[in-house]
Amino acid sequence: MTLLTVRVKPNARVQRATRLDDGSWLLHLKAPPQDGKANRELIALLAQELGVTKAQVKIKSGQSGRTKRVEIDD
């Protein structure tokens, strides 16, 4: 199990993921932060970037914030 710190920027023009020098991630998401759309996009994008399934990615804390703790099951 791996814990990541993820900073989210919703309503971005381009969807992209960037790994920062401190080991955290910065995700630019096209989805708005409404009804969990941005969280679902976060899970899909992070799973794609890390080469795991979406079921292996879980948001542990920060559901409604821009900074989240995400757990990756290995």
PDB file of N, CA and C in Angstrom:
ATOM      1  N   MET A   1       0.844  -1.172   0.000  1.00  0.00           N
ATOM      2  CA  MET A   1       0.000   0.000   0.000  1.00  0.00           C
ATOM      3  C   MET A   1       0.897   1.246   0.000  1.00  0.00           C
ATOM      4  N   THR A   2       0.551   2.181  -0.859  1.00  0.00           N
ATOM      5  CA  THR A   2       1.297   3.425  -0.989  1.00  0.00           C
ATOM      6  C   THR A   2       0.362   4.598  -0.751  1.00  0.00           C
ATOM      7  N   LEU A   3       0.796   5.582   0.027  1.00  0.00           N
ATOM      8  CA  LEU A   3       0.025   6.796   0.246  1.00  0.00           C
ATOM      9  C   LEU A   3       0.667   7.948  -0.523  1.00  0.00           C
ATOM     10  N   LEU A   4      -0.163   8.667  -1.263  1.00  0.00           N
ATOM     11  CA  LEU A   4       0.308   9.813  -2.039  1.00  0.00           C
ATOM     12  C   LEU A   4      -0.419  11.070  -1.611  1.00  0.00           C
ATOM     13  N   THR A   5       0.260  12.183  -1.705  1.00  0.00           N
ATOM     14  CA  THR A   5      -0.380  13.484  -1.527  1.00  0.00           C
ATOM     15  C   THR A   5      -0.646  14.035  -2.913  1.00  0.00           C
ATOM     16  N   VAL A   6      -1.890  14.434  -3.164  1.00  0.00           N
ATOM     17  CA  VAL A   6      -2.295  14.897  -4.483  1.00  0.00           C
ATOM     18  C   VAL A   6      -2.928  16.277  -4.341  1.00  0.00           C
ATOM     19  N   ARG A   7      -2.475  17.208  -5.157  1.00  0.00           N
ATOM     20  CA  ARG A   7      -3.063  18.551  -5.235  1.00  0.00           C
ATOM     21  C   ARG A   7      -3.859  18.606  -6.534  1.00  0.00           C
ATOM     22  N   VAL A   8      -5.115  19.039  -6.451  1.00  0.00           N
ATOM     23  CA  VAL A   8      -6.028  19.004  -7.591  1.00  0.00           C
ATOM     24  C   VAL A   8      -6.376  20.417  -8.033  1.00  0.00           C
ATOM     25  N   LYS A   9      -6.389  20.618  -9.344  1.00  0.00           N
ATOM     26  CA  LYS A   9      -6.851  21.875  -9.940  1.00  0.00           C
ATOM     27  C   LYS A   9      -7.983  21.528 -10.902  1.00  0.00           C
ATOM     28  N   PRO A  10      -9.235  21.645 -10.456  1.00  0.00           N
ATOM     29  CA  PRO A  10     -10.367  21.327 -11.329  1.00  0.00           C
ATOM     30  C   PRO A  10     -10.618  22.432 -12.352  1.00  0.00           C
ATOM     31  N   ASN A  11     -11.470  22.144 -13.323  1.00  0.00           N
ATOM     32  CA  ASN A  11     -11.857  23.082 -14.383  1.00  0.00           C
ATOM     33  C   ASN A  11     -10.668  23.536 -15.227  1.00  0.00           C
ATOM     34  N   ALA A  12      -9.684  22.665 -15.404  1.00  0.00           N
ATOM     35  CA  ALA A  12      -8.528  23.004 -16.232  1.00  0.00           C
ATOM     36  C   ALA A  12      -8.869  22.798 -17.708  1.00  0.00           C
ATOM     37  N   ARG A  13      -8.162  23.492 -18.568  1.00  0.00           N
ATOM     38  CA  ARG A  13      -8.393  23.324 -20.006  1.00  0.00           C
ATOM     39  C   ARG A  13      -7.858  21.992 -20.501  1.00  0.00           C
ATOM     40  N   VAL A  14      -6.719  21.582 -19.942  1.00  0.00           N
ATOM     41  CA  VAL A  14      -6.067  20.349 -20.368  1.00  0.00           C
ATOM     42  C   VAL A  14      -5.893  19.439 -19.156  1.00  0.00           C
ATOM     43  N   GLN A  15      -6.216  18.167 -19.356  1.00  0.00           N
ATOM     44  CA  GLN A  15      -6.056  17.191 -18.283  1.00  0.00           C
ATOM     45  C   GLN A  15      -4.617  16.692 -18.305  1.00  0.00           C
ATOM     46  N   ARG A  16      -3.926  16.782 -17.151  1.00  0.00           N
ATOM     47  CA  ARG A  16      -2.561  16.273 -17.082  1.00  0.00           C
ATOM     48  C   ARG A  16      -2.176  15.991 -15.636  1.00  0.00           C
ATOM     49  N   ALA A  17      -1.184  15.131 -15.493  1.00  0.00           N
ATOM     50  CA  ALA A  17      -0.660  14.772 -14.175  1.00  0.00           C
ATOM     51  C   ALA A  17       0.832  15.071 -14.157  1.00  0.00           C
ATOM     52  N   THR A  18       1.290  15.689 -13.079  1.00  0.00           N
ATOM     53  CA  THR A  18       2.697  16.039 -12.930  1.00  0.00           C
ATOM     54  C   THR A  18       3.181  15.567 -11.571  1.00  0.00           C
ATOM     55  N   ARG A  19       4.275  14.826 -11.579  1.00  0.00           N
ATOM     56  CA  ARG A  19       4.879  14.419 -10.312  1.00  0.00           C
ATOM     57  C   ARG A  19       5.867  15.493  -9.897  1.00  0.00           C
ATOM     58  N   LEU A  20       5.725  15.988  -8.680  1.00  0.00           N
ATOM     59  CA  LEU A  20       6.575  17.063  -8.170  1.00  0.00           C
ATOM     60  C   LEU A  20       7.829  16.490  -7.506  1.00  0.00           C
ATOM     61  N   ASP A  21       8.809  17.346  -7.266  1.00  0.00           N
ATOM     62  CA  ASP A  21      10.080  16.919  -6.690  1.00  0.00           C
ATOM     63  C   ASP A  21       9.938  16.307  -5.304  1.00  0.00           C
ATOM     64  N   ASP A  22       8.940  16.740  -4.544  1.00  0.00           N
ATOM     65  CA  ASP A  22       8.764  16.219  -3.182  1.00  0.00           C
ATOM     66  C   ASP A  22       7.999  14.897  -3.154  1.00  0.00           C
ATOM     67  N   GLY A  23       7.676  14.323  -4.316  1.00  0.00           N
ATOM     68  CA  GLY A  23       6.982  13.037  -4.377  1.00  0.00           C
ATOM     69  C   GLY A  23       5.479  13.154  -4.470  1.00  0.00           C
ATOM     70  N   SER A  24       4.931  14.352  -4.316  1.00  0.00           N
ATOM     71  CA  SER A  24       3.486  14.537  -4.438  1.00  0.00           C
ATOM     72  C   SER A  24       3.117  14.710  -5.911  1.00  0.00           C
ATOM     73  N   TRP A  25       1.824  14.747  -6.193  1.00  0.00           N
ATOM     74  CA  TRP A  25       1.321  14.880  -7.552  1.00  0.00           C
ATOM     75  C   TRP A  25       0.486  16.139  -7.677  1.00  0.00           C
ATOM     76  N   LEU A  26       0.534  16.762  -8.839  1.00  0.00           N
ATOM     77  CA  LEU A  26      -0.327  17.879  -9.190  1.00  0.00           C
ATOM     78  C   LEU A  26      -1.153  17.432 -10.379  1.00  0.00           C
ATOM     79  N   LEU A  27      -2.476  17.381 -10.202  1.00  0.00           N
ATOM     80  CA  LEU A  27      -3.369  16.930 -11.261  1.00  0.00           C
ATOM     81  C   LEU A  27      -4.235  18.079 -11.740  1.00  0.00           C
ATOM     82  N   HIS A  28      -4.205  18.346 -13.024  1.00  0.00           N
ATOM     83  CA  HIS A  28      -5.086  19.319 -13.660  1.00  0.00           C
ATOM     84  C   HIS A  28      -6.238  18.522 -14.251  1.00  0.00           C
ATOM     85  N   LEU A  29      -7.451  18.772 -13.779  1.00  0.00           N
ATOM     86  CA  LEU A  29      -8.625  18.004 -14.193  1.00  0.00           C
ATOM     87  C   LEU A  29      -9.593  18.886 -14.953  1.00  0.00           C
ATOM     88  N   LYS A  30     -10.183  18.339 -16.002  1.00  0.00           N
ATOM     89  CA  LYS A  30     -11.179  19.082 -16.771  1.00  0.00           C
ATOM     90  C   LYS A  30     -12.512  19.167 -16.038  1.00  0.00           C
ATOM     91  N   ALA A  31     -12.815  18.178 -15.226  1.00  0.00           N
ATOM     92  CA  ALA A  31     -14.117  18.086 -14.554  1.00  0.00           C
ATOM     93  C   ALA A  31     -14.275  19.174 -13.487  1.00  0.00           C
ATOM     94  N   PRO A  32     -15.509  19.631 -13.298  1.00  0.00           N
ATOM     95  CA  PRO A  32     -15.775  20.593 -12.224  1.00  0.00           C
ATOM     96  C   PRO A  32     -15.852  19.874 -10.874  1.00  0.00           C
ATOM     97  N   PRO A  33     -15.635  20.594  -9.785  1.00  0.00           N
ATOM     98  CA  PRO A  33     -15.701  19.963  -8.460  1.00  0.00           C
ATOM     99  C   PRO A  33     -17.141  19.857  -7.962  1.00  0.00           C
ATOM    100  N   GLN A  34     -17.983  19.220  -8.727  1.00  0.00           N
ATOM    101  CA  GLN A  34     -19.395  19.074  -8.365  1.00  0.00           C
ATOM    102  C   GLN A  34     -19.800  17.615  -8.466  1.00  0.00           C
ATOM    103  N   ASP A  35     -20.564  17.157  -7.503  1.00  0.00           N
ATOM    104  CA  ASP A  35     -21.132  15.803  -7.508  1.00  0.00           C
ATOM    105  C   ASP A  35     -20.072  14.713  -7.663  1.00  0.00           C
ATOM    106  N   GLY A  36     -18.858  14.948  -7.203  1.00  0.00           N
ATOM    107  CA  GLY A  36     -17.810  13.936  -7.254  1.00  0.00           C
ATOM    108  C   GLY A  36     -17.188  13.727  -8.625  1.00  0.00           C
ATOM    109  N   LYS A  37     -17.499  14.581  -9.599  1.00  0.00           N
ATOM    110  CA  LYS A  37     -16.958  14.411 -10.953  1.00  0.00           C
ATOM    111  C   LYS A  37     -15.437  14.534 -10.968  1.00  0.00           C
ATOM    112  N   ALA A  38     -14.911  15.520 -10.268  1.00  0.00           N
ATOM    113  CA  ALA A  38     -13.462  15.709 -10.232  1.00  0.00           C
ATOM    114  C   ALA A  38     -12.778  14.540  -9.516  1.00  0.00           C
ATOM    115  N   ASN A  39     -13.385  14.016  -8.469  1.00  0.00           N
ATOM    116  CA  ASN A  39     -12.800  12.877  -7.760  1.00  0.00           C
ATOM    117  C   ASN A  39     -12.755  11.638  -8.644  1.00  0.00           C
ATOM    118  N   ARG A  40     -13.801  11.410  -9.422  1.00  0.00           N
ATOM    119  CA  ARG A  40     -13.809  10.259 -10.335  1.00  0.00           C
ATOM    120  C   ARG A  40     -12.741  10.425 -11.418  1.00  0.00           C
ATOM    121  N   GLU A  41     -12.593  11.633 -11.920  1.00  0.00           N
ATOM    122  CA  GLU A  41     -11.563  11.887 -12.924  1.00  0.00           C
ATOM    123  C   GLU A  41     -10.172  11.738 -12.319  1.00  0.00           C
ATOM    124  N   LEU A  42      -9.995  12.177 -11.088  1.00  0.00           N
ATOM    125  CA  LEU A  42      -8.720  12.017 -10.383  1.00  0.00           C
ATOM    126  C   LEU A  42      -8.339  10.549 -10.302  1.00  0.00           C
ATOM    127  N   ILE A  43      -9.281   9.697  -9.907  1.00  0.00           N
ATOM    128  CA  ILE A  43      -9.017   8.261  -9.775  1.00  0.00           C
ATOM    129  C   ILE A  43      -8.629   7.666 -11.119  1.00  0.00           C
ATOM    130  N   ALA A  44      -9.357   8.015 -12.176  1.00  0.00           N
ATOM    131  CA  ALA A  44      -9.072   7.477 -13.501  1.00  0.00           C
ATOM    132  C   ALA A  44      -7.699   7.931 -14.007  1.00  0.00           C
ATOM    133  N   LEU A  45      -7.388   9.215 -13.850  1.00  0.00           N
ATOM    134  CA  LEU A  45      -6.119   9.752 -14.344  1.00  0.00           C
ATOM    135  C   LEU A  45      -4.937   9.187 -13.565  1.00  0.00           C
ATOM    136  N   LEU A  46      -5.056   9.118 -12.259  1.00  0.00           N
ATOM    137  CA  LEU A  46      -3.964   8.599 -11.443  1.00  0.00           C
ATOM    138  C   LEU A  46      -3.735   7.116 -11.712  1.00  0.00           C
ATOM    139  N   ALA A  47      -4.807   6.357 -11.891  1.00  0.00           N
ATOM    140  CA  ALA A  47      -4.673   4.935 -12.210  1.00  0.00           C
ATOM    141  C   ALA A  47      -3.954   4.757 -13.545  1.00  0.00           C
ATOM    142  N   GLN A  48      -4.301   5.568 -14.513  1.00  0.00           N
ATOM    143  CA  GLN A  48      -3.661   5.498 -15.831  1.00  0.00           C
ATOM    144  C   GLN A  48      -2.177   5.844 -15.724  1.00  0.00           C
ATOM    145  N   GLU A  49      -1.845   6.892 -14.993  1.00  0.00           N
ATOM    146  CA  GLU A  49      -0.454   7.328 -14.860  1.00  0.00           C
ATOM    147  C   GLU A  49       0.412   6.298 -14.128  1.00  0.00           C
ATOM    148  N   LEU A  50      -0.178   5.626 -13.129  1.00  0.00           N
ATOM    149  CA  LEU A  50       0.589   4.675 -12.321  1.00  0.00           C
ATOM    150  C   LEU A  50       0.528   3.254 -12.855  1.00  0.00           C
ATOM    151  N   GLY A  51      -0.320   3.008 -13.857  1.00  0.00           N
ATOM    152  CA  GLY A  51      -0.431   1.679 -14.440  1.00  0.00           C
ATOM    153  C   GLY A  51      -1.141   0.679 -13.547  1.00  0.00           C
ATOM    154  N   VAL A  52      -2.132   1.150 -12.797  1.00  0.00           N
ATOM    155  CA  VAL A  52      -2.936   0.274 -11.940  1.00  0.00           C
ATOM    156  C   VAL A  52      -4.400   0.414 -12.344  1.00  0.00           C
ATOM    157  N   THR A  53      -5.256  -0.431 -11.774  1.00  0.00           N
ATOM    158  CA  THR A  53      -6.682  -0.324 -12.063  1.00  0.00           C
ATOM    159  C   THR A  53      -7.304   0.767 -11.200  1.00  0.00           C
ATOM    160  N   LYS A  54      -8.466   1.259 -11.627  1.00  0.00           N
ATOM    161  CA  LYS A  54      -9.160   2.289 -10.850  1.00  0.00           C
ATOM    162  C   LYS A  54      -9.575   1.761  -9.486  1.00  0.00           C
ATOM    163  N   ALA A  55      -9.837   0.463  -9.377  1.00  0.00           N
ATOM    164  CA  ALA A  55     -10.240  -0.131  -8.101  1.00  0.00           C
ATOM    165  C   ALA A  55      -9.108  -0.095  -7.072  1.00  0.00           C
ATOM    166  N   GLN A  56      -7.871   0.032  -7.533  1.00  0.00           N
ATOM    167  CA  GLN A  56      -6.723   0.073  -6.627  1.00  0.00           C
ATOM    168  C   GLN A  56      -6.457   1.471  -6.083  1.00  0.00           C
ATOM    169  N   VAL A  57      -7.162   2.477  -6.581  1.00  0.00           N
ATOM    170  CA  VAL A  57      -6.954   3.870  -6.163  1.00  0.00           C
ATOM    171  C   VAL A  57      -8.127   4.306  -5.296  1.00  0.00           C
ATOM    172  N   LYS A  58      -7.827   4.756  -4.076  1.00  0.00           N
ATOM    173  CA  LYS A  58      -8.871   5.191  -3.143  1.00  0.00           C
ATOM    174  C   LYS A  58      -8.477   6.523  -2.519  1.00  0.00           C
ATOM    175  N   ILE A  59      -9.429   7.437  -2.432  1.00  0.00           N
ATOM    176  CA  ILE A  59      -9.194   8.715  -1.764  1.00  0.00           C
ATOM    177  C   ILE A  59      -9.445   8.495  -0.276  1.00  0.00           C
ATOM    178  N   LYS A  60      -8.398   8.615   0.530  1.00  0.00           N
ATOM    179  CA  LYS A  60      -8.511   8.365   1.967  1.00  0.00           C
ATOM    180  C   LYS A  60      -8.972   9.603   2.728  1.00  0.00           C
ATOM    181  N   SER A  61      -8.525  10.786   2.321  1.00  0.00           N
ATOM    182  CA  SER A  61      -8.955  12.015   2.987  1.00  0.00           C
ATOM    183  C   SER A  61      -8.916  13.155   1.984  1.00  0.00           C
ATOM    184  N   GLY A  62      -9.696  14.185   2.269  1.00  0.00           N
ATOM    185  CA  GLY A  62      -9.735  15.351   1.401  1.00  0.00           C
ATOM    186  C   GLY A  62     -10.762  15.259   0.300  1.00  0.00           C
ATOM    187  N   GLN A  63     -11.843  14.524   0.526  1.00  0.00           N
ATOM    188  CA  GLN A  63     -12.880  14.345  -0.495  1.00  0.00           C
ATOM    189  C   GLN A  63     -13.355  15.665  -1.087  1.00  0.00           C
ATOM    190  N   SER A  64     -13.514  16.678  -0.242  1.00  0.00           N
ATOM    191  CA  SER A  64     -14.055  17.945  -0.731  1.00  0.00           C
ATOM    192  C   SER A  64     -12.998  19.047  -0.840  1.00  0.00           C
ATOM    193  N   GLY A  65     -11.744  18.721  -0.577  1.00  0.00           N
ATOM    194  CA  GLY A  65     -10.688  19.721  -0.652  1.00  0.00           C
ATOM    195  C   GLY A  65      -9.829  19.561  -1.892  1.00  0.00           C
ATOM    196  N   ARG A  66      -8.923  20.485  -2.080  1.00  0.00           N
ATOM    197  CA  ARG A  66      -8.019  20.408  -3.236  1.00  0.00           C
ATOM    198  C   ARG A  66      -6.782  19.576  -2.954  1.00  0.00           C
ATOM    199  N   THR A  67      -6.453  19.410  -1.685  1.00  0.00           N
ATOM    200  CA  THR A  67      -5.335  18.551  -1.306  1.00  0.00           C
ATOM    201  C   THR A  67      -5.904  17.254  -0.753  1.00  0.00           C
ATOM    202  N   LYS A  68      -5.472  16.128  -1.318  1.00  0.00           N
ATOM    203  CA  LYS A  68      -6.039  14.833  -0.961  1.00  0.00           C
ATOM    204  C   LYS A  68      -4.941  13.849  -0.615  1.00  0.00           C
ATOM    205  N   ARG A  69      -5.264  12.887   0.213  1.00  0.00           N
ATOM    206  CA  ARG A  69      -4.400  11.745   0.494  1.00  0.00           C
ATOM    207  C   ARG A  69      -5.012  10.561  -0.251  1.00  0.00           C
ATOM    208  N   VAL A  70      -4.227   9.940  -1.101  1.00  0.00           N
ATOM    209  CA  VAL A  70      -4.724   8.859  -1.947  1.00  0.00           C
ATOM    210  C   VAL A  70      -3.933   7.589  -1.641  1.00  0.00           C
ATOM    211  N   GLU A  71      -4.651   6.489  -1.505  1.00  0.00           N
ATOM    212  CA  GLU A  71      -4.036   5.192  -1.217  1.00  0.00           C
ATOM    213  C   GLU A  71      -4.034   4.352  -2.493  1.00  0.00           C
ATOM    214  N   ILE A  72      -2.881   3.771  -2.796  1.00  0.00           N
ATOM    215  CA  ILE A  72      -2.741   2.895  -3.957  1.00  0.00           C
ATOM    216  C   ILE A  72      -2.468   1.490  -3.432  1.00  0.00           C
ATOM    217  N   ASP A  73      -3.341   0.532  -3.762  1.00  0.00           N
ATOM    218  CA  ASP A  73      -3.111  -0.865  -3.376  1.00  0.00           C
ATOM    219  C   ASP A  73      -2.174  -1.493  -4.393  1.00  0.00           C
ATOM    220  N   ASP A  74      -1.093  -2.080  -3.891  1.00  0.00           N
ATOM    221  CA  ASP A  74      -0.115  -2.704  -4.786  1.00  0.00           C
ATOM    222  C   ASP A  74      -0.491  -4.117  -5.122  1.00  0.00           C
TER     223      ASP A  74
END
